[in-house]
Protein backbone atom coordinates (compact mmCIF):
# COMPACT_ATOMS: atom_id res chain seq x y z
CA UNK A 1 -0.04 -0.23 0.12
CA UNK A 2 2.51 2.21 0.84
CA UNK A 3 4.73 1.46 -2.18
CA UNK A 4 3.34 3.52 -4.65
CA UNK A 5 1.39 6.99 -4.70
CA UNK A 6 -1.78 5.97 -4.89
CA UNK A 7 -1.94 3.62 -2.03
CA UNK A 8 -0.25 6.44 -0.09
CA UNK A 9 -3.05 8.46 -0.56
CA UNK A 10 -5.38 6.02 0.08
CA UNK A 11 -3.98 5.47 3.30
CA UNK A 12 -3.82 9.06 4.36
CA UNK A 13 -7.16 9.91 3.01
CA UNK A 14 -8.70 7.17 5.76
CA UNK A 15 -6.55 8.52 8.21
CA UNK A 16 -7.33 11.90 8.23
CA UNK A 17 -11.01 10.61 8.39
CA UNK A 18 -10.30 8.31 11.29
CA UNK A 19 -8.84 11.37 13.41
CA UNK A 20 -11.73 14.19 12.33
CA UNK A 21 -14.32 11.34 13.47
CA UNK A 22 -12.13 10.86 17.18
CA UNK A 23 -11.72 14.95 16.87
CA UNK A 24 -15.56 15.19 16.86
CA UNK A 25 -16.10 12.21 19.44
CA UNK A 26 -13.59 14.52 21.56
CA UNK A 27 -15.63 18.01 20.98
CA UNK A 28 -18.80 16.15 21.52
CA UNK A 29 -17.78 14.78 25.14
CA UNK A 30 -15.83 18.02 25.82
CA UNK A 31 -19.01 20.20 24.96
CA UNK A 32 -22.04 18.16 25.59
CA UNK A 33 -21.31 15.45 27.78
CA UNK A 34 -18.81 15.80 30.47
CA UNK A 35 -16.56 18.90 29.72
CA UNK A 36 -13.78 16.82 29.79
CA UNK A 37 -11.36 18.29 26.75
CA UNK A 38 -9.07 14.86 26.86
CA UNK A 39 -10.47 13.99 23.68
CA UNK A 40 -9.95 17.41 21.92
CA UNK A 41 -6.33 17.06 23.58
CA UNK A 42 -5.35 14.11 21.85
CA UNK A 43 -7.27 13.93 18.44
CA UNK A 44 -6.17 17.77 17.74
CA UNK A 45 -2.57 17.36 16.93
CA UNK A 46 -3.36 13.56 15.70
CA UNK A 47 -5.92 15.31 13.33
CA UNK A 48 -3.36 18.22 12.48
CA UNK A 49 -0.37 16.17 11.94
CA UNK A 50 -2.49 13.89 9.47
CA UNK A 51 -4.39 16.56 8.01
CA UNK A 52 -0.83 18.46 6.66
CA UNK A 53 0.49 14.56 6.09
CA UNK A 54 -2.55 14.28 3.56
CA UNK A 55 -2.00 17.58 1.64
CA UNK A 56 1.80 16.85 1.40
CA UNK A 57 0.68 13.54 0.02
CA UNK A 58 -1.89 15.01 -2.56
CA UNK A 59 0.51 17.62 -3.79
CA UNK A 60 3.25 14.48 -3.93
CA UNK A 61 0.44 12.12 -5.68
CA UNK A 62 -0.51 14.89 -8.66
CA UNK A 63 2.18 14.29 -10.63
CA UNK A 64 2.64 9.99 -10.41
CA UNK A 65 -1.39 10.28 -10.52
CA UNK A 66 -1.13 12.54 -13.78
CA UNK A 67 -4.16 14.66 -11.96
CA UNK A 68 -4.89 18.42 -13.42
CA UNK A 69 -5.20 20.94 -11.36
CA UNK A 70 -8.84 20.89 -10.90
CA UNK A 71 -8.70 17.15 -9.68
CA UNK A 72 -5.85 18.89 -7.21
CA UNK A 73 -7.99 21.13 -6.07
CA UNK A 74 -11.15 18.79 -5.72
CA UNK A 75 -8.65 16.87 -3.14
CA UNK A 76 -7.23 19.60 -1.61
CA UNK A 77 -10.70 21.48 -0.82
CA UNK A 78 -11.93 17.64 0.24
CA UNK A 79 -9.78 17.91 3.28
CA UNK A 80 -11.59 20.85 4.62
CA UNK A 81 -14.90 19.38 5.51
CA UNK A 82 -15.36 15.93 8.33
CA UNK A 83 -14.71 12.69 5.99
CA UNK A 84 -14.21 14.63 2.57
CA UNK A 85 -11.24 12.93 1.84
CA UNK A 86 -13.15 9.61 1.85
CA UNK A 87 -15.74 10.62 -0.36
CA UNK A 88 -12.99 12.33 -2.60
CA UNK A 89 -10.94 8.70 -2.48
CA UNK A 90 -14.04 6.97 -3.10
CA UNK A 91 -15.00 9.12 -6.63
CA UNK A 92 -11.13 9.02 -7.67
CA UNK A 93 -11.58 5.68 -7.60
CA UNK A 94 -14.54 4.85 -8.91
CA UNK A 95 -13.48 7.31 -12.06
CA UNK A 96 -9.87 6.05 -12.12
CA UNK A 97 -8.09 8.58 -10.89
CA UNK A 98 -5.89 6.18 -8.50
CA UNK A 99 -5.40 4.43 -11.47
CA UNK A 100 -2.95 5.79 -14.09
CA UNK A 101 -3.37 2.84 -16.80
CA UNK A 102 -6.94 2.86 -16.21
CA UNK A 103 -7.72 6.89 -16.33
CA UNK A 104 -10.28 7.98 -18.56
CA UNK A 105 -9.77 11.78 -19.48
CA UNK A 106 -9.64 14.29 -16.92
CA UNK A 107 -11.60 17.25 -16.10
């Protein structure tokens, strides 16, 4: 999975989404349930690091995967809303943008 750009991208897209989930759960416990910010203190930095790693892997994957600028922008924008990276990864896989050999003409 880590040997090719598509595998690295997929791994980071999923990890970033999982860290979003952890951060959202931490915020729920902090603001709704108990007022304890332990979840936010743990998942906040984890999510921050994975967010930066996702952006870097996305920028590095652009060339090898042959993404044009609109696809790159979509991938980067997908990192902002919760679970957007998973939605983008699934779309990119379905449309062949993670498989250079099968990729159709790009947007």
